[in-house]
Amino acid sequence: MATPARRTSKTKKRSRRNHQKLSTPAVHWDPQINEYVLSHHISPSGLYHGHQVIKPKY
């Protein structure tokens, strides 16, 4: 079984783990439906960039 020759320092360990975090999703305010929606996604009403893309189910 392999064992490290030297102890890993706190700085080296934290630097390696620095990228293991959650990122916030990209959301924007849609004034047509007055809600926040995910960027590059169709709104629940079927709009995308102000154009009707799909017909809503209701």
N, C-alpha and C. Protein backbone atom coordinates (compact mmCIF):
# COMPACT_ATOMS: atom_id res chain seq x y z
N MET A 1 0.84 -1.18 0.00
CA MET A 1 0.00 0.00 0.00
C MET A 1 0.88 1.24 0.00
N ALA A 2 0.55 2.20 -0.86
CA ALA A 2 1.37 3.40 -0.99
C ALA A 2 1.09 4.37 0.15
N THR A 3 2.14 4.95 0.66
CA THR A 3 2.02 5.97 1.70
C THR A 3 2.78 7.20 1.24
N PRO A 4 2.27 8.39 1.56
CA PRO A 4 2.97 9.60 1.13
C PRO A 4 4.30 9.78 1.86
N ALA A 5 5.29 10.28 1.15
CA ALA A 5 6.60 10.50 1.75
C ALA A 5 6.57 11.69 2.69
N ARG A 6 5.77 12.68 2.36
CA ARG A 6 5.66 13.87 3.20
C ARG A 6 4.18 14.18 3.45
N ARG A 7 3.94 14.84 4.56
CA ARG A 7 2.58 15.24 4.89
C ARG A 7 2.14 16.37 3.96
N THR A 8 0.90 16.30 3.47
CA THR A 8 0.37 17.36 2.62
C THR A 8 0.01 18.55 3.50
N SER A 9 0.50 19.74 3.12
CA SER A 9 0.26 20.93 3.92
C SER A 9 -1.21 21.37 3.81
N LYS A 10 -1.64 22.20 4.74
CA LYS A 10 -3.01 22.70 4.74
C LYS A 10 -3.27 23.53 3.48
N THR A 11 -2.29 24.33 3.08
CA THR A 11 -2.46 25.17 1.91
C THR A 11 -2.61 24.34 0.65
N LYS A 12 -1.79 23.32 0.50
CA LYS A 12 -1.85 22.46 -0.68
C LYS A 12 -3.18 21.71 -0.74
N LYS A 13 -3.63 21.23 0.41
CA LYS A 13 -4.88 20.48 0.49
C LYS A 13 -6.07 21.39 0.18
N ARG A 14 -6.08 22.59 0.74
CA ARG A 14 -7.19 23.53 0.50
C ARG A 14 -7.17 24.06 -0.92
N SER A 15 -6.01 24.20 -1.49
CA SER A 15 -5.90 24.65 -2.88
C SER A 15 -6.48 23.60 -3.83
N ARG A 16 -6.25 22.34 -3.53
CA ARG A 16 -6.77 21.26 -4.35
C ARG A 16 -8.29 21.17 -4.23
N ARG A 17 -8.81 21.40 -3.05
CA ARG A 17 -10.25 21.30 -2.82
C ARG A 17 -11.01 22.59 -3.13
N ASN A 18 -10.31 23.59 -3.61
CA ASN A 18 -10.90 24.90 -3.84
C ASN A 18 -12.00 24.85 -4.89
N HIS A 19 -11.93 23.97 -5.85
CA HIS A 19 -12.89 23.93 -6.94
C HIS A 19 -14.09 23.03 -6.64
N GLN A 20 -14.11 22.38 -5.50
CA GLN A 20 -15.21 21.49 -5.16
C GLN A 20 -16.29 22.27 -4.42
N LYS A 21 -17.06 23.04 -5.17
CA LYS A 21 -18.10 23.83 -4.55
C LYS A 21 -19.27 23.96 -5.50
N LEU A 22 -20.41 24.33 -4.98
CA LEU A 22 -21.60 24.50 -5.78
C LEU A 22 -21.61 25.90 -6.39
N SER A 23 -22.11 26.02 -7.58
CA SER A 23 -22.24 27.32 -8.21
C SER A 23 -23.72 27.68 -8.29
N THR A 24 -24.01 28.96 -8.23
CA THR A 24 -25.39 29.40 -8.30
C THR A 24 -25.88 29.34 -9.74
N PRO A 25 -27.11 28.93 -9.97
CA PRO A 25 -27.61 28.85 -11.34
C PRO A 25 -27.80 30.25 -11.92
N ALA A 26 -27.65 30.36 -13.23
CA ALA A 26 -27.82 31.64 -13.92
C ALA A 26 -29.31 31.88 -14.13
N VAL A 27 -29.87 32.83 -13.40
CA VAL A 27 -31.28 33.16 -13.52
C VAL A 27 -31.42 34.63 -13.90
N HIS A 28 -32.50 34.98 -14.53
CA HIS A 28 -32.79 36.37 -14.84
C HIS A 28 -34.28 36.63 -14.67
N TRP A 29 -34.61 37.91 -14.52
CA TRP A 29 -36.00 38.31 -14.32
C TRP A 29 -36.68 38.42 -15.68
N ASP A 30 -37.81 37.77 -15.82
CA ASP A 30 -38.59 37.84 -17.05
C ASP A 30 -39.78 38.76 -16.79
N PRO A 31 -39.79 39.96 -17.37
CA PRO A 31 -40.88 40.90 -17.08
C PRO A 31 -42.23 40.49 -17.66
N GLN A 32 -42.25 39.60 -18.66
CA GLN A 32 -43.53 39.21 -19.26
C GLN A 32 -44.34 38.30 -18.35
N ILE A 33 -43.66 37.46 -17.57
CA ILE A 33 -44.39 36.58 -16.66
C ILE A 33 -44.14 36.95 -15.19
N ASN A 34 -43.32 37.99 -14.96
CA ASN A 34 -43.00 38.49 -13.62
C ASN A 34 -42.45 37.39 -12.71
N GLU A 35 -41.49 36.64 -13.23
CA GLU A 35 -40.83 35.58 -12.46
C GLU A 35 -39.36 35.50 -12.85
N TYR A 36 -38.58 34.87 -11.98
CA TYR A 36 -37.22 34.54 -12.34
C TYR A 36 -37.22 33.23 -13.11
N VAL A 37 -36.47 33.17 -14.20
CA VAL A 37 -36.37 31.95 -15.00
C VAL A 37 -34.91 31.64 -15.24
N LEU A 38 -34.60 30.37 -15.49
CA LEU A 38 -33.24 29.97 -15.81
C LEU A 38 -32.84 30.53 -17.17
N SER A 39 -31.61 30.99 -17.28
CA SER A 39 -31.12 31.50 -18.56
C SER A 39 -31.04 30.36 -19.57
N HIS A 40 -31.31 30.68 -20.81
CA HIS A 40 -31.27 29.72 -21.93
C HIS A 40 -32.29 28.60 -21.76
N HIS A 41 -33.40 28.87 -21.07
CA HIS A 41 -34.47 27.90 -20.92
C HIS A 41 -35.78 28.56 -21.30
N ILE A 42 -36.72 27.77 -21.73
CA ILE A 42 -38.04 28.28 -22.08
C ILE A 42 -38.83 28.51 -20.79
N SER A 43 -39.56 29.61 -20.74
CA SER A 43 -40.38 29.90 -19.57
C SER A 43 -41.57 28.95 -19.52
N PRO A 44 -42.21 28.81 -18.37
CA PRO A 44 -43.37 27.91 -18.27
C PRO A 44 -44.51 28.27 -19.22
N SER A 45 -44.58 29.54 -19.65
CA SER A 45 -45.64 29.94 -20.57
C SER A 45 -45.27 29.67 -22.03
N GLY A 46 -44.07 29.14 -22.29
CA GLY A 46 -43.67 28.79 -23.65
C GLY A 46 -42.93 29.88 -24.39
N LEU A 47 -42.51 30.94 -23.68
CA LEU A 47 -41.80 32.05 -24.32
C LEU A 47 -40.29 31.88 -24.21
N TYR A 48 -39.58 32.32 -25.22
CA TYR A 48 -38.12 32.34 -25.22
C TYR A 48 -37.68 33.61 -25.93
N HIS A 49 -37.05 34.51 -25.20
CA HIS A 49 -36.62 35.82 -25.72
C HIS A 49 -37.79 36.59 -26.33
N GLY A 50 -38.96 36.50 -25.70
CA GLY A 50 -40.13 37.25 -26.14
C GLY A 50 -40.90 36.64 -27.29
N HIS A 51 -40.50 35.48 -27.76
CA HIS A 51 -41.19 34.81 -28.86
C HIS A 51 -41.89 33.56 -28.34
N GLN A 52 -43.09 33.30 -28.82
CA GLN A 52 -43.82 32.09 -28.45
C GLN A 52 -43.19 30.90 -29.18
N VAL A 53 -42.55 29.99 -28.43
CA VAL A 53 -41.84 28.88 -29.03
C VAL A 53 -42.72 27.62 -29.03
N ILE A 54 -43.36 27.34 -27.92
CA ILE A 54 -44.26 26.19 -27.83
C ILE A 54 -45.59 26.64 -27.28
N LYS A 55 -46.62 25.90 -27.58
CA LYS A 55 -47.94 26.22 -27.09
C LYS A 55 -48.05 25.70 -25.65
N PRO A 56 -48.48 26.53 -24.69
CA PRO A 56 -48.62 26.06 -23.32
C PRO A 56 -49.71 24.99 -23.20
N LYS A 57 -49.56 24.12 -22.20
CA LYS A 57 -50.50 22.99 -22.03
C LYS A 57 -51.86 23.45 -21.52
N TYR A 58 -51.91 24.53 -20.75
CA TYR A 58 -53.18 24.96 -20.16
C TYR A 58 -53.98 25.81 -21.08
